[in-house]
Amino acid sequence: MSHSSGVGESSRIEWQWAAFSELAPIELYEAMALRQRVFVVEQDCVYQDADGRDSAAWHLLGWATGSGKTTLFGYARVFEAGARYAEMSIGRIVSAPEVRGSGVGRAIVREAMRKCTELWPKQPIRIAAQRRLEQFYEAFGFAAAGDPYDEDGIDHIDMVKPA
């Protein structure tokens, strides 16, 4: 299922939701390429991004269409409660570097939260946030839930948004 919202004057966002088995090979390739481009290359963090959990997740792909081409600009994955944490969760939230500062990161989080509450209403949502983004997630109602920790050389903190 997808729906649109405006982005800028010359492009549009198409949100695409899919279970792992519903992703076309090119969609999976684009999602993995964006995740690796940001989390592995840009953040200089060598780790196994293909973590064996993708098959249990719903995947959000944010496509920008404009100037005659379609580009994947954002991605996130969501898990039902019990699949990863006791709470439902959102992870691998990523936006392409060229669209940062335009509000698309907030749009990705809003759309992921919308899907979580659609699929699993009235439940808390957990994220494993990079510490540098703690205030960003606080603006969505998330609060720190535990002590900071190191994950693959980057400071993180678990955060929960109450139901």
N, C-alpha and C. Protein backbone atom coordinates (compact mmCIF):
# COMPACT_ATOMS: atom_id res chain seq x y z
N MET A 1 0.84 -1.18 0.00
CA MET A 1 0.00 0.00 0.00
C MET A 1 0.88 1.24 0.00
N SER A 2 0.55 2.23 -0.80
CA SER A 2 1.32 3.46 -0.82
C SER A 2 0.39 4.64 -0.91
N HIS A 3 0.90 5.79 -0.52
CA HIS A 3 0.19 7.03 -0.72
C HIS A 3 1.21 8.14 -0.88
N SER A 4 0.76 9.31 -1.35
CA SER A 4 1.67 10.38 -1.71
C SER A 4 1.55 11.55 -0.76
N SER A 5 2.61 12.34 -0.74
CA SER A 5 2.58 13.64 -0.10
C SER A 5 3.57 14.52 -0.83
N GLY A 6 3.32 15.80 -0.85
CA GLY A 6 4.18 16.71 -1.60
C GLY A 6 5.54 16.89 -0.95
N VAL A 7 6.58 17.03 -1.77
CA VAL A 7 7.92 17.36 -1.32
C VAL A 7 8.48 18.34 -2.32
N GLY A 8 8.79 19.52 -1.86
CA GLY A 8 9.33 20.52 -2.76
C GLY A 8 8.34 20.87 -3.85
N GLU A 9 8.82 21.59 -4.84
CA GLU A 9 7.92 22.03 -5.90
C GLU A 9 7.90 21.08 -7.09
N SER A 10 8.97 20.33 -7.28
CA SER A 10 9.05 19.55 -8.51
C SER A 10 9.07 18.04 -8.29
N SER A 11 8.92 17.61 -7.05
CA SER A 11 8.94 16.16 -6.82
C SER A 11 7.83 15.78 -5.85
N ARG A 12 7.56 14.49 -5.82
CA ARG A 12 6.55 13.94 -4.93
C ARG A 12 7.14 12.73 -4.21
N ILE A 13 6.65 12.52 -3.00
CA ILE A 13 7.03 11.33 -2.25
C ILE A 13 5.97 10.27 -2.46
N GLU A 14 6.42 9.08 -2.76
CA GLU A 14 5.54 7.91 -2.78
C GLU A 14 6.03 6.99 -1.66
N TRP A 15 5.18 6.76 -0.68
CA TRP A 15 5.50 5.82 0.39
C TRP A 15 5.08 4.43 -0.06
N GLN A 16 5.98 3.50 0.05
CA GLN A 16 5.70 2.11 -0.30
C GLN A 16 5.95 1.25 0.93
N TRP A 17 4.95 0.47 1.30
CA TRP A 17 5.10 -0.49 2.39
C TRP A 17 5.06 -1.90 1.81
N ALA A 18 5.96 -2.75 2.30
CA ALA A 18 5.98 -4.13 1.81
C ALA A 18 6.57 -5.05 2.86
N ALA A 19 6.01 -6.25 2.92
CA ALA A 19 6.66 -7.32 3.67
C ALA A 19 7.89 -7.73 2.86
N PHE A 20 8.83 -8.37 3.50
CA PHE A 20 10.08 -8.76 2.83
C PHE A 20 9.80 -9.56 1.55
N SER A 21 8.89 -10.52 1.63
CA SER A 21 8.60 -11.38 0.47
C SER A 21 7.93 -10.62 -0.67
N GLU A 22 7.41 -9.44 -0.39
CA GLU A 22 6.74 -8.63 -1.42
C GLU A 22 7.68 -7.67 -2.13
N LEU A 23 8.89 -7.50 -1.61
CA LEU A 23 9.83 -6.58 -2.23
C LEU A 23 10.36 -7.16 -3.54
N ALA A 24 10.31 -6.37 -4.59
CA ALA A 24 10.94 -6.78 -5.86
C ALA A 24 12.45 -6.74 -5.67
N PRO A 25 13.20 -7.54 -6.41
CA PRO A 25 14.66 -7.53 -6.26
C PRO A 25 15.27 -6.13 -6.36
N ILE A 26 14.80 -5.30 -7.29
CA ILE A 26 15.37 -3.95 -7.42
C ILE A 26 15.03 -3.08 -6.22
N GLU A 27 13.86 -3.28 -5.61
CA GLU A 27 13.49 -2.52 -4.41
C GLU A 27 14.37 -2.91 -3.23
N LEU A 28 14.58 -4.21 -3.06
CA LEU A 28 15.46 -4.69 -2.00
C LEU A 28 16.88 -4.18 -2.23
N TYR A 29 17.34 -4.23 -3.47
CA TYR A 29 18.68 -3.74 -3.80
C TYR A 29 18.82 -2.26 -3.44
N GLU A 30 17.85 -1.45 -3.84
CA GLU A 30 17.90 0.00 -3.55
C GLU A 30 17.89 0.27 -2.05
N ALA A 31 17.07 -0.48 -1.31
CA ALA A 31 17.01 -0.30 0.15
C ALA A 31 18.34 -0.67 0.80
N MET A 32 18.89 -1.81 0.42
CA MET A 32 20.17 -2.23 1.00
C MET A 32 21.29 -1.28 0.60
N ALA A 33 21.27 -0.79 -0.63
CA ALA A 33 22.29 0.15 -1.09
C ALA A 33 22.24 1.44 -0.28
N LEU A 34 21.04 1.96 -0.01
CA LEU A 34 20.92 3.18 0.79
C LEU A 34 21.37 2.94 2.22
N ARG A 35 20.96 1.84 2.81
CA ARG A 35 21.39 1.52 4.17
C ARG A 35 22.91 1.43 4.25
N GLN A 36 23.52 0.73 3.31
CA GLN A 36 24.98 0.58 3.34
C GLN A 36 25.69 1.89 3.05
N ARG A 37 25.14 2.68 2.12
CA ARG A 37 25.74 3.98 1.78
C ARG A 37 25.85 4.87 3.02
N VAL A 38 24.80 4.87 3.84
CA VAL A 38 24.78 5.74 5.02
C VAL A 38 25.41 5.07 6.23
N PHE A 39 24.91 3.90 6.62
CA PHE A 39 25.34 3.30 7.88
C PHE A 39 26.75 2.72 7.82
N VAL A 40 27.18 2.19 6.69
CA VAL A 40 28.49 1.57 6.59
C VAL A 40 29.53 2.55 6.05
N VAL A 41 29.25 3.15 4.89
CA VAL A 41 30.25 4.01 4.23
C VAL A 41 30.31 5.39 4.87
N GLU A 42 29.20 6.13 4.87
CA GLU A 42 29.21 7.50 5.39
C GLU A 42 29.59 7.56 6.86
N GLN A 43 29.03 6.65 7.66
CA GLN A 43 29.31 6.67 9.10
C GLN A 43 30.56 5.86 9.45
N ASP A 44 31.24 5.35 8.44
CA ASP A 44 32.49 4.61 8.63
C ASP A 44 32.34 3.56 9.72
N CYS A 45 31.31 2.74 9.57
CA CYS A 45 30.97 1.75 10.59
C CYS A 45 30.86 0.38 9.92
N VAL A 46 31.89 -0.39 10.05
CA VAL A 46 31.91 -1.70 9.41
C VAL A 46 31.13 -2.69 10.28
N TYR A 47 29.98 -3.11 9.77
CA TYR A 47 29.15 -4.08 10.48
C TYR A 47 28.28 -4.80 9.46
N GLN A 48 27.65 -5.88 9.89
CA GLN A 48 26.81 -6.69 9.01
C GLN A 48 25.41 -6.10 8.97
N ASP A 49 25.12 -5.28 7.96
CA ASP A 49 23.80 -4.64 7.85
C ASP A 49 22.71 -5.68 7.57
N ALA A 50 22.98 -6.65 6.74
CA ALA A 50 22.02 -7.73 6.47
C ALA A 50 22.06 -8.65 7.69
N ASP A 51 21.23 -8.33 8.69
CA ASP A 51 21.33 -8.94 10.01
C ASP A 51 20.42 -10.14 10.24
N GLY A 52 19.75 -10.61 9.18
CA GLY A 52 18.87 -11.75 9.34
C GLY A 52 17.49 -11.41 9.87
N ARG A 53 17.22 -10.12 10.10
CA ARG A 53 15.93 -9.72 10.65
C ARG A 53 14.98 -9.15 9.60
N ASP A 54 15.47 -8.86 8.42
CA ASP A 54 14.64 -8.21 7.40
C ASP A 54 13.40 -9.03 7.04
N SER A 55 13.51 -10.35 7.08
CA SER A 55 12.36 -11.18 6.68
C SER A 55 11.19 -11.07 7.66
N ALA A 56 11.43 -10.59 8.88
CA ALA A 56 10.36 -10.45 9.87
C ALA A 56 9.78 -9.03 9.92
N ALA A 57 10.30 -8.14 9.09
CA ALA A 57 9.93 -6.72 9.17
C ALA A 57 8.99 -6.30 8.05
N TRP A 58 8.28 -5.21 8.30
CA TRP A 58 7.61 -4.43 7.26
C TRP A 58 8.60 -3.37 6.84
N HIS A 59 8.70 -3.12 5.55
CA HIS A 59 9.70 -2.19 5.02
C HIS A 59 9.02 -0.96 4.42
N LEU A 60 9.52 0.21 4.82
CA LEU A 60 9.05 1.48 4.28
C LEU A 60 10.10 2.00 3.31
N LEU A 61 9.69 2.24 2.09
CA LEU A 61 10.57 2.84 1.09
C LEU A 61 9.94 4.16 0.67
N GLY A 62 10.71 5.22 0.75
CA GLY A 62 10.24 6.54 0.33
C GLY A 62 10.87 6.90 -0.99
N TRP A 63 10.05 6.97 -2.01
CA TRP A 63 10.52 7.25 -3.37
C TRP A 63 10.19 8.70 -3.72
N ALA A 64 11.15 9.42 -4.27
CA ALA A 64 10.92 10.77 -4.78
C ALA A 64 10.86 10.68 -6.29
N THR A 65 9.79 11.22 -6.85
CA THR A 65 9.61 11.21 -8.29
C THR A 65 9.63 12.65 -8.78
N GLY A 66 10.50 12.94 -9.71
CA GLY A 66 10.59 14.27 -10.28
C GLY A 66 11.65 14.30 -11.35
N SER A 67 11.54 15.25 -12.25
CA SER A 67 12.51 15.38 -13.34
C SER A 67 12.66 14.09 -14.13
N GLY A 68 11.58 13.33 -14.25
CA GLY A 68 11.59 12.14 -15.07
C GLY A 68 12.25 10.93 -14.47
N LYS A 69 12.62 10.97 -13.16
CA LYS A 69 13.23 9.78 -12.56
C LYS A 69 12.70 9.57 -11.15
N THR A 70 12.84 8.35 -10.68
CA THR A 70 12.40 7.97 -9.34
C THR A 70 13.63 7.53 -8.55
N THR A 71 13.77 8.08 -7.34
CA THR A 71 14.94 7.82 -6.51
C THR A 71 14.50 7.44 -5.10
N LEU A 72 15.14 6.43 -4.53
CA LEU A 72 14.88 6.08 -3.15
C LEU A 72 15.61 7.08 -2.26
N PHE A 73 14.86 7.84 -1.46
CA PHE A 73 15.46 8.85 -0.61
C PHE A 73 15.41 8.48 0.86
N GLY A 74 14.56 7.51 1.22
CA GLY A 74 14.44 7.16 2.63
C GLY A 74 13.93 5.75 2.84
N TYR A 75 14.19 5.25 4.04
CA TYR A 75 13.86 3.86 4.35
C TYR A 75 13.72 3.72 5.87
N ALA A 76 12.90 2.78 6.28
CA ALA A 76 12.82 2.32 7.68
C ALA A 76 12.20 0.93 7.66
N ARG A 77 12.38 0.22 8.75
CA ARG A 77 11.70 -1.07 8.88
C ARG A 77 11.03 -1.11 10.25
N VAL A 78 9.90 -1.80 10.31
CA VAL A 78 9.16 -1.90 11.57
C VAL A 78 8.90 -3.36 11.90
N PHE A 79 8.88 -3.63 13.22
CA PHE A 79 8.67 -4.99 13.72
C PHE A 79 7.52 -4.99 14.72
N GLU A 80 6.73 -6.05 14.70
CA GLU A 80 5.68 -6.19 15.70
C GLU A 80 6.32 -6.49 17.06
N ALA A 81 5.56 -6.26 18.12
CA ALA A 81 6.03 -6.55 19.47
C ALA A 81 6.45 -8.01 19.56
N GLY A 82 7.58 -8.25 20.20
CA GLY A 82 8.08 -9.60 20.38
C GLY A 82 9.02 -10.07 19.29
N ALA A 83 9.03 -9.41 18.15
CA ALA A 83 9.92 -9.84 17.06
C ALA A 83 11.36 -9.41 17.31
N ARG A 84 11.53 -8.25 17.90
CA ARG A 84 12.87 -7.72 18.17
C ARG A 84 12.99 -7.32 19.63
N TYR A 85 12.00 -6.59 20.10
CA TYR A 85 11.92 -6.14 21.49
C TYR A 85 10.54 -6.52 22.03
N ALA A 86 10.32 -6.27 23.33
CA ALA A 86 8.99 -6.52 23.90
C ALA A 86 7.96 -5.62 23.23
N GLU A 87 8.38 -4.39 22.87
CA GLU A 87 7.49 -3.45 22.19
C GLU A 87 7.65 -3.60 20.68
N MET A 88 6.66 -3.07 19.93
CA MET A 88 6.89 -2.95 18.49
C MET A 88 8.03 -1.96 18.32
N SER A 89 8.72 -2.03 17.18
CA SER A 89 9.90 -1.18 17.04
C SER A 89 10.08 -0.70 15.60
N ILE A 90 10.82 0.40 15.51
CA ILE A 90 11.21 0.99 14.23
C ILE A 90 12.73 1.00 14.20
N GLY A 91 13.31 0.61 13.07
CA GLY A 91 14.75 0.61 12.96
C GLY A 91 15.23 0.92 11.56
N ARG A 92 16.55 1.03 11.43
CA ARG A 92 17.21 1.32 10.15
C ARG A 92 16.60 2.57 9.49
N ILE A 93 16.25 3.56 10.31
CA ILE A 93 15.68 4.81 9.79
C ILE A 93 16.81 5.57 9.09
N VAL A 94 16.62 5.83 7.80
CA VAL A 94 17.71 6.44 7.03
C VAL A 94 17.16 7.35 5.94
N SER A 95 17.84 8.48 5.75
CA SER A 95 17.52 9.36 4.63
C SER A 95 18.79 9.59 3.83
N ALA A 96 18.64 9.73 2.53
CA ALA A 96 19.79 9.97 1.66
C ALA A 96 20.41 11.33 2.00
N PRO A 97 21.73 11.43 1.98
CA PRO A 97 22.39 12.69 2.34
C PRO A 97 21.88 13.90 1.57
N GLU A 98 21.54 13.72 0.31
CA GLU A 98 21.14 14.86 -0.51
C GLU A 98 19.77 15.43 -0.15
N VAL A 99 18.99 14.75 0.68
CA VAL A 99 17.68 15.28 1.08
C VAL A 99 17.64 15.69 2.55
N ARG A 100 18.73 15.56 3.26
CA ARG A 100 18.74 15.93 4.67
C ARG A 100 18.54 17.43 4.83
N GLY A 101 17.87 17.80 5.90
CA GLY A 101 17.58 19.20 6.16
C GLY A 101 16.32 19.69 5.49
N SER A 102 15.66 18.82 4.72
CA SER A 102 14.45 19.22 4.00
C SER A 102 13.18 18.73 4.69
N GLY A 103 13.31 18.05 5.82
CA GLY A 103 12.14 17.54 6.53
C GLY A 103 11.80 16.11 6.21
N VAL A 104 12.53 15.48 5.30
CA VAL A 104 12.16 14.11 4.94
C VAL A 104 12.46 13.11 6.06
N GLY A 105 13.46 13.38 6.88
CA GLY A 105 13.72 12.50 8.02
C GLY A 105 12.52 12.45 8.95
N ARG A 106 11.95 13.62 9.23
CA ARG A 106 10.74 13.68 10.06
C ARG A 106 9.58 12.96 9.37
N ALA A 107 9.49 13.11 8.05
CA ALA A 107 8.41 12.45 7.30
C ALA A 107 8.54 10.93 7.38
N ILE A 108 9.77 10.43 7.32
CA ILE A 108 10.00 8.98 7.42
C ILE A 108 9.54 8.47 8.79
N VAL A 109 9.94 9.17 9.85
CA VAL A 109 9.55 8.75 11.20
C VAL A 109 8.04 8.81 11.37
N ARG A 110 7.41 9.89 10.91
CA ARG A 110 5.94 10.01 11.02
C ARG A 110 5.24 8.86 10.29
N GLU A 111 5.71 8.56 9.08
CA GLU A 111 5.07 7.48 8.31
C GLU A 111 5.29 6.13 8.98
N ALA A 112 6.49 5.88 9.52
CA ALA A 112 6.75 4.62 10.22
C ALA A 112 5.87 4.50 11.46
N MET A 113 5.73 5.59 12.21
CA MET A 113 4.86 5.57 13.39
C MET A 113 3.40 5.35 12.99
N ARG A 114 2.98 5.97 11.90
CA ARG A 114 1.60 5.80 11.42
C ARG A 114 1.33 4.33 11.11
N LYS A 115 2.27 3.68 10.43
CA LYS A 115 2.08 2.27 10.07
C LYS A 115 2.07 1.39 11.32
N CYS A 116 2.94 1.68 12.26
CA CYS A 116 2.96 0.90 13.50
C CYS A 116 1.60 0.96 14.19
N THR A 117 1.05 2.15 14.33
CA THR A 117 -0.23 2.27 15.03
C THR A 117 -1.39 1.73 14.21
N GLU A 118 -1.24 1.70 12.89
CA GLU A 118 -2.26 1.07 12.04
C GLU A 118 -2.25 -0.44 12.22
N LEU A 119 -1.06 -1.03 12.19
CA LEU A 119 -0.94 -2.49 12.29
C LEU A 119 -1.16 -3.00 13.71
N TRP A 120 -0.63 -2.28 14.69
CA TRP A 120 -0.66 -2.73 16.08
C TRP A 120 -1.08 -1.55 16.97
N PRO A 121 -2.36 -1.22 17.01
CA PRO A 121 -2.81 -0.02 17.73
C PRO A 121 -2.56 -0.08 19.24
N LYS A 122 -2.41 1.11 19.80
CA LYS A 122 -2.34 1.32 21.25
C LYS A 122 -1.24 0.51 21.91
N GLN A 123 -0.06 0.51 21.29
CA GLN A 123 1.11 -0.16 21.86
C GLN A 123 2.28 0.81 21.85
N PRO A 124 3.20 0.68 22.81
CA PRO A 124 4.39 1.53 22.78
C PRO A 124 5.30 1.15 21.62
N ILE A 125 6.14 2.09 21.21
CA ILE A 125 7.09 1.88 20.11
C ILE A 125 8.50 2.10 20.65
N ARG A 126 9.41 1.19 20.35
CA ARG A 126 10.81 1.31 20.78
C ARG A 126 11.70 1.58 19.57
N ILE A 127 12.73 2.39 19.79
CA ILE A 127 13.78 2.58 18.80
C ILE A 127 15.13 2.51 19.51
N ALA A 128 16.16 2.12 18.79
CA ALA A 128 17.54 2.17 19.26
C ALA A 128 18.16 3.37 18.53
N ALA A 129 18.16 4.52 19.20
CA ALA A 129 18.55 5.77 18.56
C ALA A 129 20.03 6.06 18.72
N GLN A 130 20.61 6.64 17.69
CA GLN A 130 21.95 7.18 17.87
C GLN A 130 21.82 8.36 18.83
N ARG A 131 22.74 8.46 19.78
CA ARG A 131 22.66 9.51 20.81
C ARG A 131 22.57 10.90 20.21
N ARG A 132 23.24 11.15 19.11
CA ARG A 132 23.23 12.48 18.51
C ARG A 132 21.84 12.86 17.99
N LEU A 133 20.94 11.87 17.86
CA LEU A 133 19.58 12.12 17.38
C LEU A 133 18.53 12.03 18.48
N GLU A 134 18.97 11.99 19.73
CA GLU A 134 18.04 11.82 20.85
C GLU A 134 16.98 12.93 20.87
N GLN A 135 17.38 14.19 20.72
CA GLN A 135 16.41 15.29 20.73
C GLN A 135 15.46 15.22 19.54
N PHE A 136 15.97 14.78 18.39
CA PHE A 136 15.13 14.60 17.21
C PHE A 136 13.96 13.67 17.53
N TYR A 137 14.26 12.53 18.16
CA TYR A 137 13.21 11.56 18.48
C TYR A 137 12.34 12.00 19.65
N GLU A 138 12.89 12.79 20.57
CA GLU A 138 12.08 13.33 21.66
C GLU A 138 10.93 14.17 21.11
N ALA A 139 11.14 14.85 19.99
CA ALA A 139 10.10 15.68 19.37
C ALA A 139 8.90 14.84 18.91
N PHE A 140 9.09 13.53 18.76
CA PHE A 140 8.00 12.62 18.37
C PHE A 140 7.37 11.93 19.58
N GLY A 141 7.83 12.27 20.78
CA GLY A 141 7.27 11.68 21.99
C GLY A 141 8.07 10.52 22.55
N PHE A 142 9.23 10.23 21.98
CA PHE A 142 10.09 9.17 22.51
C PHE A 142 10.86 9.69 23.72
N ALA A 143 11.12 8.82 24.69
CA ALA A 143 11.90 9.17 25.87
C ALA A 143 12.94 8.08 26.10
N ALA A 144 14.09 8.48 26.63
CA ALA A 144 15.16 7.53 26.91
C ALA A 144 14.64 6.42 27.82
N ALA A 145 15.05 5.19 27.53
CA ALA A 145 14.63 4.02 28.31
C ALA A 145 15.86 3.17 28.59
N GLY A 146 16.70 3.64 29.47
CA GLY A 146 17.91 2.91 29.79
C GLY A 146 19.14 3.79 29.61
N ASP A 147 20.27 3.18 29.81
CA ASP A 147 21.54 3.89 29.73
C ASP A 147 22.09 3.86 28.31
N PRO A 148 22.90 4.86 27.95
CA PRO A 148 23.55 4.85 26.64
C PRO A 148 24.47 3.63 26.52
N TYR A 149 24.68 3.19 25.29
CA TYR A 149 25.56 2.05 25.03
C TYR A 149 26.23 2.23 23.67
N ASP A 150 27.31 1.51 23.49
CA ASP A 150 28.04 1.54 22.23
C ASP A 150 27.54 0.41 21.35
N GLU A 151 27.19 0.75 20.12
CA GLU A 151 26.82 -0.26 19.14
C GLU A 151 27.65 -0.01 17.89
N ASP A 152 28.56 -0.91 17.61
CA ASP A 152 29.43 -0.81 16.43
C ASP A 152 30.18 0.52 16.39
N GLY A 153 30.63 1.00 17.57
CA GLY A 153 31.43 2.21 17.63
C GLY A 153 30.64 3.51 17.63
N ILE A 154 29.31 3.44 17.71
CA ILE A 154 28.47 4.63 17.72
C ILE A 154 27.61 4.60 18.99
N ASP A 155 27.59 5.73 19.72
CA ASP A 155 26.77 5.82 20.93
C ASP A 155 25.29 5.76 20.59
N HIS A 156 24.56 4.89 21.27
CA HIS A 156 23.12 4.70 21.08
C HIS A 156 22.41 4.80 22.42
N ILE A 157 21.11 4.97 22.35
CA ILE A 157 20.26 4.90 23.53
C ILE A 157 18.90 4.35 23.10
N ASP A 158 18.37 3.43 23.88
CA ASP A 158 17.02 2.93 23.61
C ASP A 158 16.03 4.00 24.03
N MET A 159 15.00 4.18 23.21
CA MET A 159 13.96 5.16 23.49
C MET A 159 12.60 4.51 23.24
N VAL A 160 11.61 4.91 24.04
CA VAL A 160 10.27 4.35 23.92
C VAL A 160 9.26 5.48 23.85
N LYS A 161 8.31 5.33 22.94
CA LYS A 161 7.15 6.23 22.87
C LYS A 161 5.99 5.47 23.48
N PRO A 162 5.41 6.00 24.57
CA PRO A 162 4.29 5.29 25.20
C PRO A 162 3.10 5.13 24.26
N ALA A 163 2.26 4.17 24.55
CA ALA A 163 1.06 3.92 23.74
C ALA A 163 0.12 5.11 23.79
